[in-house]
Amino acid sequence: MKNILLAIVVLGIIAFLYFRNNPKVDFKADTPGGIQFQKGNWQQVLELAKKENKLVFLDIYATWCGPCKQLKKHTFADKSAGDFFNTNFVNMALDGEQEEGAALAQKFGIEAYPTLMFVTPEGELIIKSPGFRTADDLVSLGKEMLENRK
């Protein structure tokens, strides 16, 4: 009986620590002041990018992914990242395990979540970068994309 009680206590502590460090994140919600992601489908985003003569910034994430949650909560919510990306790119975020996101993850050969990509308005991949990035690092990468486009 003591072993069962001890096991329940240990599992409770593990669950508490897990959920404290991995809060539920609403990937569909806007990040006020941060990067604003388009709500349409991939084709609509490409058309908007053509119309505005901008590259597409694409985030492929998974809802269970810890680094994806940190990107959403910290990097994408950062005002400086939002100001830069909202001005210079058409932004889209898709769940790599759902419908259109899964199709694009397969098309672009995604092997890890998150993967951040820059894509031409014609849908051609320029660069993909797996893993977490800070807001400053992401802005630096975005500036590099704009410089290379010139």
Foldseek 3Di string as FASTA:
>chain_A
DVVVVVVVVVVVVVVVVVCVLAPQDDPPDAQVLFAGADDDAPLVLLVVCVVVVAKEKEKEAARRDNLQRVCVVAQRNDNVLRVQDVVGHHYHYDHCVDDRNVVVCVVVVPDAPTKIFIAHSVGHTDDIDHGHDHNVRVSVVVVVVVVVVD
